[in-house]
Amino acid sequence: MVTIAGVHGVTAAHAYPQHEITAAFAAVVTPDGKHRALLDRIHAATGVRTRHLALPLADYAGLDGFGAANDAFIRVGVELGEQAILGALAAAGLEAGDVDLILSTSVTGIAAPSLESRLAPKLGFRPDVKRVPVFGLGCVAGASGIARCHDYLLGHPDGVAVLLSVELCSLTVQRDDASMPNIVASGLFGDGAAAVVLVGANRAASGPKVVATRSRLYPDTERTMGWDIGGSGFRIVLAASVADVVEQYIGDDVAGFLGDHELKVGDVAAWVCHPGGPKVLQAMEAALDLHDGQLDVTWRSLERIGNLSSASVLHVLGDTLSGANGAAVPEPGTPGVLLAMGPGFCSELVLVQW
């Protein structure tokens, strides 16, 4: 089976308590102050205590349009991507020259050449490395990226694949936009990156094995989550029904997926779930009947660094593997599920064996 041989998550350099970010972003989102009380209440309800930002907090008020924000995305994204990949390769005991495929994903900026191609000469990837830059999967891309790297390695059992996620969500916050989606996004999302190294079956490596994956696309949900892209950049689409969609579908999806491998929800030793927000996590707990702290690692990640879009589930995976931030390291041989959701609306399930 394909092995997850190394994981490394990083956060952006500028860390602030939530109340400081709330005060600074209020001047951007609702400069007339009319919606300040609502913004304060929504930000407090996210359960996020600290977030890391791509830029110093004072710089956001001076960002002059989408071009300036995207320039910052490329500059900071390359820096964080380098840190994440080097850390994951070190954890796997490999070098950049060993990598056969790199899949990079982001939904918070655009770069052509893409981030992984800009990193190739800096890190020493081979000239024949296969590159797959992915845009549009959003929060689900951490899980989907692992799944697609797994698919590649099934056909290349001697190979090494790297998944890179870079998400600088703060750069997408819209100016003078007091809509509920923008207020929620300005209080929930943080900035960071993560990388995962996976190796094929013919390579000896320690780490959890990928047993199977499953993708799920839900009907009539195109406006549940995503972007409206215009002159001001990425304007978030975030419906109030996200948690309802999760609760409606995820229980049956997970039960069916596990059942195909003669497992039940109660057999899962560790849940590695994307911290979509309090309502989404509560919906997930209800749908899967998880009420004994099974999602504590995810809840703590949300509290410590916020929602990092596609990078978040990879940070939770890193915490679970290392035992960081109060995580209990799963017993060898036990099953685990990695789960994320994103625009589409969709989900990706990854069954692993620790």
Protein backbone atom coordinates (compact mmCIF):
# COMPACT_ATOMS: atom_id res chain seq x y z
CA MET A 1 0.00 0.00 0.00
CA VAL A 2 0.95 3.65 -0.39
CA THR A 3 2.55 5.12 2.74
CA ILE A 4 2.24 8.64 4.15
CA ALA A 5 5.92 9.03 4.95
CA GLY A 6 6.14 12.64 6.10
CA VAL A 7 3.90 15.56 7.01
CA HIS A 8 4.87 19.12 7.88
CA GLY A 9 2.60 22.08 8.52
CA VAL A 10 3.65 25.71 8.84
CA THR A 11 1.78 28.90 9.67
CA ALA A 12 2.33 32.43 8.41
CA ALA A 13 4.77 34.58 10.33
CA HIS A 14 2.44 37.20 11.85
CA ALA A 15 0.40 35.81 14.76
CA TYR A 16 -2.31 37.80 16.56
CA PRO A 17 -5.03 37.08 19.10
CA GLN A 18 -8.48 37.03 17.59
CA HIS A 19 -9.64 40.29 19.20
CA GLU A 20 -6.80 42.25 17.56
CA ILE A 21 -7.63 40.84 14.14
CA THR A 22 -11.31 41.62 14.69
CA ALA A 23 -10.53 45.26 15.44
CA ALA A 24 -8.24 45.66 12.41
CA PHE A 25 -10.47 43.83 9.94
CA ALA A 26 -13.53 45.78 11.12
CA ALA A 27 -11.98 48.89 9.64
CA VAL A 28 -11.65 47.06 6.30
CA VAL A 29 -14.94 45.15 6.21
CA THR A 30 -17.28 47.75 7.71
CA PRO A 31 -15.44 51.09 7.78
CA ASP A 32 -18.61 53.02 8.63
CA GLY A 33 -18.97 50.94 11.83
CA LYS A 34 -22.62 50.07 11.19
CA HIS A 35 -22.05 46.33 11.39
CA ARG A 36 -19.32 46.31 14.05
CA ALA A 37 -21.46 44.64 16.73
CA LEU A 38 -22.40 41.84 14.32
CA LEU A 39 -18.77 41.38 13.28
CA ASP A 40 -17.65 41.20 16.92
CA ARG A 41 -20.30 38.59 17.70
CA ILE A 42 -19.55 36.41 14.66
CA HIS A 43 -15.80 36.53 15.21
CA ALA A 44 -16.22 35.51 18.85
CA ALA A 45 -18.53 32.63 17.86
CA THR A 46 -15.92 31.03 15.60
CA GLY A 47 -14.08 29.63 18.62
CA VAL A 48 -10.78 30.84 17.15
CA ARG A 49 -8.37 32.37 19.64
CA THR A 50 -5.29 33.01 17.49
CA ARG A 51 -4.60 33.34 13.79
CA HIS A 52 -1.47 33.69 11.69
CA LEU A 53 -1.52 36.19 8.83
CA ALA A 54 0.54 36.55 5.67
CA LEU A 55 1.14 40.25 6.32
CA PRO A 56 1.52 42.45 9.38
CA LEU A 57 -1.94 43.38 10.58
CA ALA A 58 -1.48 47.07 9.83
CA ASP A 59 -0.75 46.34 6.15
CA TYR A 60 -4.22 45.04 5.27
CA ALA A 61 -5.85 48.45 5.25
CA GLY A 62 -3.36 49.58 2.61
CA LEU A 63 -3.74 46.66 0.20
CA ASP A 64 -4.62 48.28 -3.11
CA GLY A 65 -6.86 45.82 -4.91
CA PHE A 66 -6.58 42.26 -6.12
CA GLY A 67 -3.21 42.74 -7.85
CA ALA A 68 -1.45 43.78 -4.65
CA ALA A 69 -3.05 40.95 -2.69
CA ASN A 70 -2.08 38.39 -5.31
CA ASP A 71 1.51 39.66 -5.44
CA ALA A 72 1.67 39.09 -1.68
CA PHE A 73 0.17 35.62 -2.18
CA ILE A 74 2.96 34.63 -4.56
CA ARG A 75 5.75 36.07 -2.40
CA VAL A 76 4.58 34.62 0.92
CA GLY A 77 3.29 31.43 -0.70
CA VAL A 78 6.71 30.56 -2.08
CA GLU A 79 8.29 31.17 1.33
CA LEU A 80 5.80 29.00 3.21
CA GLY A 81 5.77 26.34 0.50
CA GLU A 82 9.53 25.97 0.77
CA GLN A 83 9.34 25.52 4.53
CA ALA A 84 6.53 22.97 4.29
CA ILE A 85 8.16 20.82 1.59
CA LEU A 86 11.59 20.80 3.23
CA GLY A 87 10.02 19.80 6.55
CA ALA A 88 7.98 16.98 5.03
CA LEU A 89 10.94 15.63 3.04
CA ALA A 90 13.10 15.68 6.17
CA ALA A 91 10.42 13.77 8.08
CA ALA A 92 10.35 11.18 5.30
CA GLY A 93 14.14 10.92 5.08
CA LEU A 94 14.09 11.96 1.42
CA GLU A 95 15.43 14.77 -0.76
CA ALA A 96 13.87 16.92 -3.45
CA GLY A 97 15.68 14.92 -6.13
CA ASP A 98 13.77 11.80 -5.07
CA VAL A 99 10.38 13.33 -5.92
CA ASP A 100 8.60 12.07 -9.05
CA LEU A 101 5.31 14.00 -8.74
CA ILE A 102 4.35 17.19 -6.98
CA LEU A 103 0.71 18.21 -6.70
CA SER A 104 0.20 21.76 -5.46
CA THR A 105 -3.11 23.24 -4.42
CA SER A 106 -4.46 26.60 -3.37
CA VAL A 107 -7.73 28.46 -3.67
CA THR A 108 -6.60 31.82 -2.27
CA GLY A 109 -4.34 33.11 -5.05
CA ILE A 110 -3.30 32.61 -8.65
CA ALA A 111 0.22 32.06 -9.95
CA ALA A 112 1.48 31.22 -13.42
CA PRO A 113 4.12 29.84 -13.31
CA SER A 114 2.53 27.99 -10.40
CA LEU A 115 4.01 27.88 -6.91
CA GLU A 116 5.58 24.44 -7.24
CA SER A 117 7.35 25.42 -10.48
CA ARG A 118 8.77 28.50 -8.75
CA LEU A 119 10.00 26.26 -5.95
CA ALA A 120 11.55 23.62 -8.23
CA PRO A 121 14.92 25.36 -8.81
CA LYS A 122 15.12 26.58 -5.20
CA LEU A 123 14.59 23.11 -3.74
CA GLY A 124 16.37 20.98 -6.36
CA PHE A 125 13.54 19.03 -7.97
CA ARG A 126 14.58 17.04 -11.03
CA PRO A 127 13.88 18.61 -14.42
CA ASP A 128 11.57 15.69 -15.25
CA VAL A 129 9.43 16.01 -12.10
CA LYS A 130 5.73 15.78 -12.91
CA ARG A 131 3.73 18.82 -11.77
CA VAL A 132 -0.01 19.05 -11.15
CA PRO A 133 -1.17 22.49 -9.94
CA VAL A 134 -4.79 22.37 -8.76
CA PHE A 135 -7.18 25.28 -8.22
CA GLY A 136 -10.84 25.18 -7.16
CA LEU A 137 -11.10 22.32 -4.67
CA GLY A 138 -10.88 24.65 -1.69
CA CYS A 139 -11.00 23.12 1.77
CA VAL A 140 -11.38 19.57 0.44
CA ALA A 141 -8.06 19.69 -1.43
CA GLY A 142 -5.93 18.47 1.48
CA ALA A 143 -7.79 15.16 1.52
CA SER A 144 -8.29 15.07 -2.25
CA GLY A 145 -4.61 15.77 -2.80
CA ILE A 146 -3.62 12.78 -0.69
CA ALA A 147 -6.14 10.67 -2.59
CA ARG A 148 -4.86 11.72 -6.02
CA CYS A 149 -1.21 11.21 -5.01
CA HIS A 150 -2.26 7.76 -3.81
CA ASP A 151 -3.87 7.06 -7.20
CA TYR A 152 -0.65 8.02 -8.99
CA LEU A 153 1.50 5.86 -6.74
CA LEU A 154 -0.68 2.81 -7.28
CA GLY A 155 0.59 2.87 -10.86
CA HIS A 156 4.13 3.90 -9.87
CA PRO A 157 5.01 1.72 -6.85
CA ASP A 158 8.65 2.88 -6.88
CA GLY A 159 7.63 6.52 -6.87
CA VAL A 160 7.61 9.46 -4.47
CA ALA A 161 4.83 12.06 -4.54
CA VAL A 162 4.53 15.37 -2.69
CA LEU A 163 1.34 17.26 -1.94
CA LEU A 164 1.76 20.98 -1.24
CA SER A 165 -1.07 23.13 0.09
CA VAL A 166 -0.65 26.91 0.45
CA GLU A 167 -3.63 28.95 1.63
CA LEU A 168 -3.39 32.66 2.47
CA CYS A 169 -7.03 33.28 3.24
CA SER A 170 -6.59 36.72 4.79
CA LEU A 171 -5.61 38.14 1.40
CA THR A 172 -9.11 37.42 0.07
CA VAL A 173 -11.05 39.45 2.67
CA GLN A 174 -13.14 41.99 0.77
CA ARG A 175 -13.02 45.70 1.53
CA ASP A 176 -16.22 47.54 2.48
CA ASP A 177 -18.29 44.35 2.30
CA ALA A 178 -20.44 43.71 5.36
CA SER A 179 -22.19 40.67 3.86
CA MET A 180 -22.53 37.74 6.24
CA PRO A 181 -20.18 35.46 4.22
CA ASN A 182 -17.41 38.08 4.24
CA ILE A 183 -17.88 38.77 7.96
CA VAL A 184 -17.69 35.03 8.74
CA ALA A 185 -14.64 34.53 6.51
CA SER A 186 -12.85 37.51 8.05
CA GLY A 187 -13.18 35.86 11.47
CA LEU A 188 -12.67 32.17 10.68
CA PHE A 189 -9.82 31.71 8.22
CA GLY A 190 -6.08 31.91 8.80
CA ASP A 191 -2.94 31.59 6.70
CA GLY A 192 -0.57 28.65 6.40
CA ALA A 193 0.78 25.79 4.34
CA ALA A 194 1.43 22.09 4.64
CA ALA A 195 3.17 19.36 2.68
CA VAL A 196 2.79 15.59 2.66
CA VAL A 197 5.24 13.06 1.23
CA LEU A 198 3.79 9.75 0.04
CA VAL A 199 5.73 6.77 -1.31
CA GLY A 200 4.74 3.75 -3.37
CA ALA A 201 4.47 0.16 -2.19
CA ASN A 202 7.99 -0.80 -3.30
CA ARG A 203 9.61 1.78 -1.03
CA ALA A 204 10.24 0.96 2.62
CA ALA A 205 8.78 3.69 4.83
CA SER A 206 7.14 4.12 8.20
CA GLY A 207 3.81 5.90 8.54
CA PRO A 208 0.13 5.25 7.98
CA LYS A 209 -0.87 3.27 4.90
CA VAL A 210 -3.57 4.52 2.54
CA VAL A 211 -6.10 1.70 2.23
CA ALA A 212 -8.75 3.35 0.03
CA THR A 213 -10.25 6.69 -0.98
CA ARG A 214 -13.66 7.92 -2.06
CA SER A 215 -14.90 11.15 -3.63
CA ARG A 216 -18.46 12.43 -3.28
CA LEU A 217 -20.13 15.28 -5.18
CA TYR A 218 -23.53 16.40 -3.86
CA PRO A 219 -26.45 17.46 -6.07
CA ASP A 220 -27.75 21.03 -6.33
CA THR A 221 -25.07 22.49 -4.06
CA GLU A 222 -23.03 24.68 -6.43
CA ARG A 223 -23.81 27.84 -4.44
CA THR A 224 -23.07 26.30 -1.06
CA MET A 225 -19.41 27.31 -1.06
CA GLY A 226 -16.93 28.88 -3.44
CA TRP A 227 -15.87 32.20 -4.96
CA ASP A 228 -17.43 34.88 -7.09
CA ILE A 229 -14.37 36.26 -8.87
CA GLY A 230 -14.40 39.86 -10.06
CA GLY A 231 -12.42 43.07 -10.15
CA SER A 232 -11.90 43.06 -6.38
CA GLY A 233 -10.63 39.49 -6.36
CA PHE A 234 -12.19 36.54 -4.57
CA ARG A 235 -15.58 37.28 -3.02
CA ILE A 236 -16.60 34.34 -0.87
CA VAL A 237 -19.74 32.28 -1.42
CA LEU A 238 -20.66 30.67 1.88
CA ALA A 239 -24.25 29.54 2.37
CA ALA A 240 -25.85 29.13 5.77
CA SER A 241 -26.78 25.59 4.68
CA VAL A 242 -23.22 24.18 4.77
CA ALA A 243 -23.74 22.42 8.11
CA ASP A 244 -27.11 21.09 6.93
CA VAL A 245 -25.51 19.52 3.85
CA VAL A 246 -22.84 17.93 6.03
CA GLU A 247 -25.39 16.49 8.43
CA GLN A 248 -27.59 15.26 5.58
CA TYR A 249 -24.94 13.31 3.69
CA ILE A 250 -21.76 12.62 5.63
CA GLY A 251 -23.10 9.92 7.96
CA ASP A 252 -24.32 7.64 5.18
CA ASP A 253 -21.24 8.35 3.07
CA VAL A 254 -18.82 7.38 5.83
CA ALA A 255 -20.84 4.36 6.90
CA GLY A 256 -21.01 3.08 3.32
CA PHE A 257 -17.31 3.69 2.73
CA LEU A 258 -16.30 1.89 5.91
CA GLY A 259 -18.79 -0.91 5.28
CA ASP A 260 -17.11 -1.69 1.97
CA HIS A 261 -14.03 -2.52 4.04
CA GLU A 262 -15.90 -4.45 6.74
CA LEU A 263 -15.59 -1.62 9.24
CA LYS A 264 -17.99 0.51 11.25
CA VAL A 265 -17.74 4.04 12.63
CA GLY A 266 -16.98 2.63 16.07
CA ASP A 267 -13.92 0.80 14.71
CA VAL A 268 -12.13 4.01 13.71
CA ALA A 269 -9.26 4.76 16.07
CA ALA A 270 -8.60 8.32 14.91
CA TRP A 271 -10.56 10.91 12.95
CA VAL A 272 -8.53 13.44 10.97
CA CYS A 273 -11.15 16.00 9.98
CA HIS A 274 -11.05 19.44 8.43
CA PRO A 275 -11.95 22.17 10.97
CA GLY A 276 -14.57 23.88 8.85
CA GLY A 277 -16.02 25.85 11.76
CA PRO A 278 -18.07 25.18 14.89
CA LYS A 279 -21.38 24.49 13.13
CA VAL A 280 -19.74 22.18 10.59
CA LEU A 281 -17.92 20.22 13.30
CA GLN A 282 -21.10 19.93 15.36
CA ALA A 283 -22.93 18.66 12.29
CA MET A 284 -20.18 16.11 11.69
CA GLU A 285 -20.31 14.92 15.28
CA ALA A 286 -24.09 14.54 15.05
CA ALA A 287 -24.00 12.74 11.71
CA LEU A 288 -21.33 10.28 12.84
CA ASP A 289 -22.46 10.06 16.49
CA LEU A 290 -19.05 11.18 17.74
CA HIS A 291 -19.55 12.54 21.23
CA ASP A 292 -16.57 11.28 23.23
CA GLY A 293 -13.88 13.70 22.15
CA GLN A 294 -13.05 11.96 18.86
CA LEU A 295 -12.74 15.33 17.12
CA ASP A 296 -10.80 17.08 19.89
CA VAL A 297 -7.65 17.38 17.76
CA THR A 298 -9.65 19.14 15.07
CA TRP A 299 -11.39 21.44 17.58
CA ARG A 300 -8.03 22.41 19.09
CA SER A 301 -6.59 23.16 15.66
CA LEU A 302 -9.52 25.47 14.94
CA GLU A 303 -8.93 27.25 18.24
CA ARG A 304 -5.16 27.62 17.79
CA ILE A 305 -4.86 28.65 14.13
CA GLY A 306 -8.35 28.92 12.61
CA ASN A 307 -9.46 27.34 9.35
CA LEU A 308 -6.56 27.16 6.86
CA SER A 309 -8.71 25.89 4.00
CA SER A 310 -7.01 22.90 2.32
CA ALA A 311 -3.97 23.05 4.63
CA SER A 312 -6.05 22.57 7.80
CA VAL A 313 -6.73 18.85 7.54
CA LEU A 314 -3.01 18.32 6.86
CA HIS A 315 -2.14 20.21 10.06
CA VAL A 316 -4.57 17.95 11.93
CA LEU A 317 -2.90 14.92 10.30
CA GLY A 318 0.51 16.16 11.41
CA ASP A 319 -0.72 16.67 14.97
CA THR A 320 -2.21 13.17 15.02
CA LEU A 321 0.97 11.54 13.73
CA SER A 322 3.28 13.38 16.13
CA GLY A 323 1.05 13.52 19.19
CA ALA A 324 1.29 17.31 19.19
CA ASN A 325 -1.28 19.62 20.78
CA GLY A 326 -2.81 16.93 22.96
CA ALA A 327 -3.32 14.35 20.20
CA ALA A 328 -3.16 10.67 21.12
CA VAL A 329 -0.99 8.78 18.63
CA PRO A 330 -3.07 5.90 17.19
CA GLU A 331 -2.01 2.32 17.87
CA PRO A 332 -0.26 0.61 14.94
CA GLY A 333 -2.60 -1.43 12.77
CA THR A 334 -5.77 0.46 13.72
CA PRO A 335 -7.98 2.15 11.12
CA GLY A 336 -8.34 5.90 10.71
CA VAL A 337 -10.36 8.23 8.52
CA LEU A 338 -9.18 11.48 6.97
CA LEU A 339 -12.12 13.62 5.89
CA ALA A 340 -12.61 17.05 4.32
CA MET A 341 -15.29 18.95 2.41
CA GLY A 342 -15.23 21.83 -0.02
CA PRO A 343 -16.75 23.64 -3.00
CA GLY A 344 -18.86 21.56 -5.29
CA PHE A 345 -20.25 20.88 -2.64
CA CYS A 346 -18.18 17.74 -2.13
CA SER A 347 -16.31 15.53 0.28
CA GLU A 348 -13.26 13.28 0.16
CA LEU A 349 -12.76 10.28 2.40
CA VAL A 350 -9.40 8.56 2.94
CA LEU A 351 -9.18 5.30 4.88
CA VAL A 352 -5.79 4.73 6.47
CA GLN A 353 -4.18 2.07 8.60
CA TRP A 354 -1.91 3.48 11.29
